[in-house]
Amino acid sequence: MNTMDQKAFITLVNPFKDKIYRVAKRLLISEDEAQDATQEVLLRLWTRRSKMKQYRSVEAFAMTMTKNYCYDSLKAKRNNNLRIVHSNYEDHSRNTGRQIDASNEVEWVYKLMKDLPEQQQLILQLRDIEQFDNSEIAAMLEMNETAVRVALSRARKTIREALIKKQNYGIQ
């Protein structure tokens, strides 16, 4: 493999390597495990670099690979009866009321997302955070596009209703 091939590979994966990390973090929770998963997926992509042209979307293939790797990792942990509890709370906000409110709202949405069924969490992450379209998500998750739309709609509705309930709490 010459230097030109390495540069081409880096150019190919650079636009979506952060998405790989974010999806891994969403599924695995732990930053360290998400970094390990990202590295593993990039390594697997590197070993398959000669076959990259056969994929319609290398990014979609990478996201599917990430999802599968994370699920396998979680299954292995469940089989070993390990429980991972991470508190990844970091408060980087300034002391203004608006930033605190916005931060609290975002944190609240992430907490609500954790209560969704696993499939809805992943679809919501891929659609609303990673900005994939429904057809790409359907391909990644090996689902019907209509099922993706329904799951996304249900996830959004659940979060919207919980946010409205929280905001209206105590107001009659």
C-alpha atoms as a PDB file:
ATOM      1  CA  MET A   1       0.000   0.000   0.000  1.00  0.00           C
ATOM      2  CA  ASN A   2       1.582   3.289  -1.002  1.00  0.00           C
ATOM      3  CA  THR A   3       1.148   6.716   0.581  1.00  0.00           C
ATOM      4  CA  MET A   4      -1.418   7.777  -2.011  1.00  0.00           C
ATOM      5  CA  ASP A   5      -3.753   4.942  -0.961  1.00  0.00           C
ATOM      6  CA  GLN A   6      -3.477   5.953   2.698  1.00  0.00           C
ATOM      7  CA  LYS A   7      -4.298   9.543   1.822  1.00  0.00           C
ATOM      8  CA  ALA A   8      -7.274   8.420  -0.267  1.00  0.00           C
ATOM      9  CA  PHE A   9      -8.556   6.306   2.622  1.00  0.00           C
ATOM     10  CA  ILE A  10      -8.193   9.172   5.087  1.00  0.00           C
ATOM     11  CA  THR A  11      -9.956  11.513   2.669  1.00  0.00           C
ATOM     12  CA  LEU A  12     -12.757   8.967   2.305  1.00  0.00           C
ATOM     13  CA  VAL A  13     -13.427   8.361   6.025  1.00  0.00           C
ATOM     14  CA  ASN A  14     -12.635  11.807   7.433  1.00  0.00           C
ATOM     15  CA  PRO A  15     -16.082  13.316   6.718  1.00  0.00           C
ATOM     16  CA  PHE A  16     -17.916  10.698   8.806  1.00  0.00           C
ATOM     17  CA  LYS A  17     -15.464   9.482  11.457  1.00  0.00           C
ATOM     18  CA  ASP A  18     -17.049  11.820  14.034  1.00  0.00           C
ATOM     19  CA  LYS A  19     -20.475  10.365  13.237  1.00  0.00           C
ATOM     20  CA  ILE A  20     -19.094   6.899  13.930  1.00  0.00           C
ATOM     21  CA  TYR A  21     -17.946   8.097  17.346  1.00  0.00           C
ATOM     22  CA  ARG A  22     -21.264   9.794  18.168  1.00  0.00           C
ATOM     23  CA  VAL A  23     -23.297   6.710  17.271  1.00  0.00           C
ATOM     24  CA  ALA A  24     -20.934   4.507  19.278  1.00  0.00           C
ATOM     25  CA  LYS A  25     -21.192   6.898  22.235  1.00  0.00           C
ATOM     26  CA  ARG A  26     -24.981   6.902  22.022  1.00  0.00           C
ATOM     27  CA  LEU A  27     -25.069   3.099  22.119  1.00  0.00           C
ATOM     28  CA  LEU A  28     -22.205   2.365  24.507  1.00  0.00           C
ATOM     29  CA  ILE A  29     -22.510   5.463  26.764  1.00  0.00           C
ATOM     30  CA  SER A  30     -18.839   5.306  27.790  1.00  0.00           C
ATOM     31  CA  GLU A  31     -16.507   7.710  26.010  1.00  0.00           C
ATOM     32  CA  ASP A  32     -13.616   5.244  26.250  1.00  0.00           C
ATOM     33  CA  GLU A  33     -15.651   2.428  24.765  1.00  0.00           C
ATOM     34  CA  ALA A  34     -16.942   4.711  22.027  1.00  0.00           C
ATOM     35  CA  GLN A  35     -13.370   5.661  21.147  1.00  0.00           C
ATOM     36  CA  ASP A  36     -12.382   1.981  21.106  1.00  0.00           C
ATOM     37  CA  ALA A  37     -15.367   1.161  18.895  1.00  0.00           C
ATOM     38  CA  THR A  38     -14.527   4.009  16.520  1.00  0.00           C
ATOM     39  CA  GLN A  39     -10.947   2.825  16.260  1.00  0.00           C
ATOM     40  CA  GLU A  40     -12.078  -0.755  15.655  1.00  0.00           C
ATOM     41  CA  VAL A  41     -14.525   0.262  12.928  1.00  0.00           C
ATOM     42  CA  LEU A  42     -11.896   2.405  11.197  1.00  0.00           C
ATOM     43  CA  LEU A  43      -9.448  -0.490  11.400  1.00  0.00           C
ATOM     44  CA  ARG A  44     -12.022  -2.839   9.875  1.00  0.00           C
ATOM     45  CA  LEU A  45     -12.704  -0.313   7.113  1.00  0.00           C
ATOM     46  CA  TRP A  46      -8.965  -0.104   6.477  1.00  0.00           C
ATOM     47  CA  THR A  47      -8.714  -3.870   6.100  1.00  0.00           C
ATOM     48  CA  ARG A  48     -11.618  -3.766   3.627  1.00  0.00           C
ATOM     49  CA  ARG A  49     -10.340  -0.745   1.690  1.00  0.00           C
ATOM     50  CA  SER A  50      -9.818  -2.778  -1.488  1.00  0.00           C
ATOM     51  CA  LYS A  51     -13.543  -3.629  -1.529  1.00  0.00           C
ATOM     52  CA  MET A  52     -14.824  -0.091  -0.831  1.00  0.00           C
ATOM     53  CA  LYS A  53     -15.914   0.518  -4.401  1.00  0.00           C
ATOM     54  CA  GLN A  54     -18.559  -2.222  -4.185  1.00  0.00           C
ATOM     55  CA  TYR A  55     -20.529  -0.278  -1.553  1.00  0.00           C
ATOM     56  CA  ARG A  56     -23.004   2.358  -2.700  1.00  0.00           C
ATOM     57  CA  SER A  57     -22.303   4.406   0.406  1.00  0.00           C
ATOM     58  CA  VAL A  58     -19.165   3.769   2.420  1.00  0.00           C
ATOM     59  CA  GLU A  59     -20.604   5.996   5.130  1.00  0.00           C
ATOM     60  CA  ALA A  60     -23.774   3.917   5.436  1.00  0.00           C
ATOM     61  CA  PHE A  61     -21.654   0.759   5.487  1.00  0.00           C
ATOM     62  CA  ALA A  62     -19.485   2.260   8.245  1.00  0.00           C
ATOM     63  CA  MET A  63     -22.539   3.248  10.297  1.00  0.00           C
ATOM     64  CA  THR A  64     -23.979  -0.259   9.961  1.00  0.00           C
ATOM     65  CA  MET A  65     -20.625  -1.678  10.983  1.00  0.00           C
ATOM     66  CA  THR A  66     -20.563   0.656  14.011  1.00  0.00           C
ATOM     67  CA  LYS A  67     -24.072  -0.312  15.076  1.00  0.00           C
ATOM     68  CA  ASN A  68     -23.278  -4.020  14.791  1.00  0.00           C
ATOM     69  CA  TYR A  69     -19.973  -3.700  16.638  1.00  0.00           C
ATOM     70  CA  CYS A  70     -21.647  -1.795  19.490  1.00  0.00           C
ATOM     71  CA  TYR A  71     -24.498  -4.286  19.753  1.00  0.00           C
ATOM     72  CA  ASP A  72     -22.015  -7.163  19.829  1.00  0.00           C
ATOM     73  CA  SER A  73     -20.049  -5.377  22.538  1.00  0.00           C
ATOM     74  CA  LEU A  74     -23.179  -4.809  24.608  1.00  0.00           C
ATOM     75  CA  LYS A  75     -24.253  -8.436  24.194  1.00  0.00           C
ATOM     76  CA  ALA A  76     -20.846  -9.621  25.375  1.00  0.00           C
ATOM     77  CA  LYS A  77     -21.183  -7.461  28.479  1.00  0.00           C
ATOM     78  CA  ARG A  78     -24.650  -8.743  29.225  1.00  0.00           C
ATOM     79  CA  ASN A  79     -23.384 -12.298  28.930  1.00  0.00           C
ATOM     80  CA  ASN A  80     -20.710 -11.514  31.500  1.00  0.00           C
ATOM     81  CA  ASN A  81     -23.296  -9.875  33.752  1.00  0.00           C
ATOM     82  CA  LEU A  82     -21.434  -6.605  33.749  1.00  0.00           C
ATOM     83  CA  ARG A  83     -23.271  -3.397  34.385  1.00  0.00           C
ATOM     84  CA  ILE A  84     -21.795  -0.169  33.216  1.00  0.00           C
ATOM     85  CA  VAL A  85     -22.977   2.947  34.870  1.00  0.00           C
ATOM     86  CA  HIS A  86     -21.393   6.120  33.671  1.00  0.00           C
ATOM     87  CA  SER A  87     -22.142   9.610  34.624  1.00  0.00           C
ATOM     88  CA  ASN A  88     -20.821  11.565  31.689  1.00  0.00           C
ATOM     89  CA  TYR A  89     -22.101  14.842  32.999  1.00  0.00           C
ATOM     90  CA  GLU A  90     -19.825  17.767  32.296  1.00  0.00           C
ATOM     91  CA  ASP A  91     -21.054  21.284  32.814  1.00  0.00           C
ATOM     92  CA  HIS A  92     -19.289  23.613  30.400  1.00  0.00           C
ATOM     93  CA  SER A  93     -21.962  26.275  30.456  1.00  0.00           C
ATOM     94  CA  ARG A  94     -21.347  29.889  31.384  1.00  0.00           C
ATOM     95  CA  ASN A  95     -23.263  31.368  34.281  1.00  0.00           C
ATOM     96  CA  THR A  96     -26.050  32.815  32.178  1.00  0.00           C
ATOM     97  CA  GLY A  97     -29.595  31.675  32.684  1.00  0.00           C
ATOM     98  CA  ARG A  98     -30.203  30.992  29.006  1.00  0.00           C
ATOM     99  CA  GLN A  99     -27.230  28.700  28.624  1.00  0.00           C
ATOM    100  CA  ILE A 100     -28.202  26.796  31.731  1.00  0.00           C
ATOM    101  CA  ASP A 101     -31.794  26.430  30.539  1.00  0.00           C
ATOM    102  CA  ALA A 102     -30.677  25.298  27.084  1.00  0.00           C
ATOM    103  CA  SER A 103     -28.200  22.878  28.581  1.00  0.00           C
ATOM    104  CA  ASN A 104     -30.864  21.487  30.906  1.00  0.00           C
ATOM    105  CA  GLU A 105     -33.298  21.055  28.025  1.00  0.00           C
ATOM    106  CA  VAL A 106     -30.717  19.211  25.914  1.00  0.00           C
ATOM    107  CA  GLU A 107     -29.759  17.049  28.880  1.00  0.00           C
ATOM    108  CA  TRP A 108     -33.436  16.330  29.504  1.00  0.00           C
ATOM    109  CA  VAL A 109     -33.944  15.281  25.865  1.00  0.00           C
ATOM    110  CA  TYR A 110     -30.961  12.918  26.096  1.00  0.00           C
ATOM    111  CA  LYS A 111     -32.404  11.424  29.288  1.00  0.00           C
ATOM    112  CA  LEU A 112     -35.748  10.963  27.557  1.00  0.00           C
ATOM    113  CA  MET A 113     -34.008   9.327  24.601  1.00  0.00           C
ATOM    114  CA  LYS A 114     -32.472   6.752  26.964  1.00  0.00           C
ATOM    115  CA  ASP A 115     -35.993   5.711  27.993  1.00  0.00           C
ATOM    116  CA  LEU A 116     -37.011   4.987  24.400  1.00  0.00           C
ATOM    117  CA  PRO A 117     -36.816   1.481  22.987  1.00  0.00           C
ATOM    118  CA  GLU A 118     -33.329   0.766  21.629  1.00  0.00           C
ATOM    119  CA  GLN A 119     -34.421   0.840  17.988  1.00  0.00           C
ATOM    120  CA  GLN A 120     -36.164   4.197  18.388  1.00  0.00           C
ATOM    121  CA  GLN A 121     -33.082   5.618  20.132  1.00  0.00           C
ATOM    122  CA  LEU A 122     -30.863   4.590  17.260  1.00  0.00           C
ATOM    123  CA  ILE A 123     -33.245   5.839  14.568  1.00  0.00           C
ATOM    124  CA  LEU A 124     -33.654   9.187  16.343  1.00  0.00           C
ATOM    125  CA  GLN A 125     -29.860   9.489  16.718  1.00  0.00           C
ATOM    126  CA  LEU A 126     -29.226   8.675  13.060  1.00  0.00           C
ATOM    127  CA  ARG A 127     -31.982  10.936  11.724  1.00  0.00           C
ATOM    128  CA  ASP A 128     -32.026  13.991  13.953  1.00  0.00           C
ATOM    129  CA  ILE A 129     -28.437  14.133  15.165  1.00  0.00           C
ATOM    130  CA  GLU A 130     -26.429  12.468  12.411  1.00  0.00           C
ATOM    131  CA  GLN A 131     -28.725  13.822   9.651  1.00  0.00           C
ATOM    132  CA  PHE A 132     -29.098  10.602   7.653  1.00  0.00           C
ATOM    133  CA  ASP A 133     -32.204  10.371   5.514  1.00  0.00           C
ATOM    134  CA  ASN A 134     -34.825   7.680   6.082  1.00  0.00           C
ATOM    135  CA  SER A 135     -33.716   5.538   3.155  1.00  0.00           C
ATOM    136  CA  GLU A 136     -30.126   5.457   4.441  1.00  0.00           C
ATOM    137  CA  ILE A 137     -31.318   4.540   7.927  1.00  0.00           C
ATOM    138  CA  ALA A 138     -33.538   1.813   6.492  1.00  0.00           C
ATOM    139  CA  ALA A 139     -30.544   0.374   4.639  1.00  0.00           C
ATOM    140  CA  MET A 140     -28.288   0.566   7.711  1.00  0.00           C
ATOM    141  CA  LEU A 141     -30.798  -1.074  10.017  1.00  0.00           C
ATOM    142  CA  GLU A 142     -32.111  -3.469   7.382  1.00  0.00           C
ATOM    143  CA  MET A 143     -35.648  -2.179   7.856  1.00  0.00           C
ATOM    144  CA  ASN A 144     -38.481  -1.032   5.657  1.00  0.00           C
ATOM    145  CA  GLU A 145     -38.403   2.742   5.114  1.00  0.00           C
ATOM    146  CA  THR A 146     -41.997   3.007   6.341  1.00  0.00           C
ATOM    147  CA  ALA A 147     -41.035   1.267   9.585  1.00  0.00           C
ATOM    148  CA  VAL A 148     -38.228   3.801  10.042  1.00  0.00           C
ATOM    149  CA  ARG A 149     -40.677   6.697   9.575  1.00  0.00           C
ATOM    150  CA  VAL A 150     -43.140   5.156  12.040  1.00  0.00           C
ATOM    151  CA  ALA A 151     -40.453   4.494  14.662  1.00  0.00           C
ATOM    152  CA  LEU A 152     -39.077   8.017  14.222  1.00  0.00           C
ATOM    153  CA  SER A 153     -42.535   9.527  14.545  1.00  0.00           C
ATOM    154  CA  ARG A 154     -43.272   7.530  17.699  1.00  0.00           C
ATOM    155  CA  ALA A 155     -39.925   8.463  19.243  1.00  0.00           C
ATOM    156  CA  ARG A 156     -40.427  12.160  18.516  1.00  0.00           C
ATOM    157  CA  LYS A 157     -43.993  12.047  19.838  1.00  0.00           C
ATOM    158  CA  THR A 158     -42.891  10.367  23.067  1.00  0.00           C
ATOM    159  CA  ILE A 159     -40.177  12.958  23.645  1.00  0.00           C
ATOM    160  CA  ARG A 160     -42.466  15.858  22.699  1.00  0.00           C
ATOM    161  CA  GLU A 161     -45.183  14.676  25.117  1.00  0.00           C
ATOM    162  CA  ALA A 162     -42.674  14.215  27.943  1.00  0.00           C
ATOM    163  CA  LEU A 163     -41.227  17.693  27.354  1.00  0.00           C
ATOM    164  CA  ILE A 164     -44.690  19.281  27.321  1.00  0.00           C
ATOM    165  CA  LYS A 165     -45.573  17.425  30.509  1.00  0.00           C
ATOM    166  CA  LYS A 166     -42.335  18.637  32.151  1.00  0.00           C
ATOM    167  CA  GLN A 167     -42.851  22.235  31.029  1.00  0.00           C
ATOM    168  CA  ASN A 168     -46.484  22.276  32.179  1.00  0.00           C
ATOM    169  CA  TYR A 169     -45.744  20.643  35.510  1.00  0.00           C
ATOM    170  CA  GLY A 170     -47.471  22.592  38.235  1.00  0.00           C
ATOM    171  CA  ILE A 171     -49.335  24.856  35.811  1.00  0.00           C
ATOM    172  CA  GLN A 172     -53.073  24.373  35.880  1.00  0.00           C
END
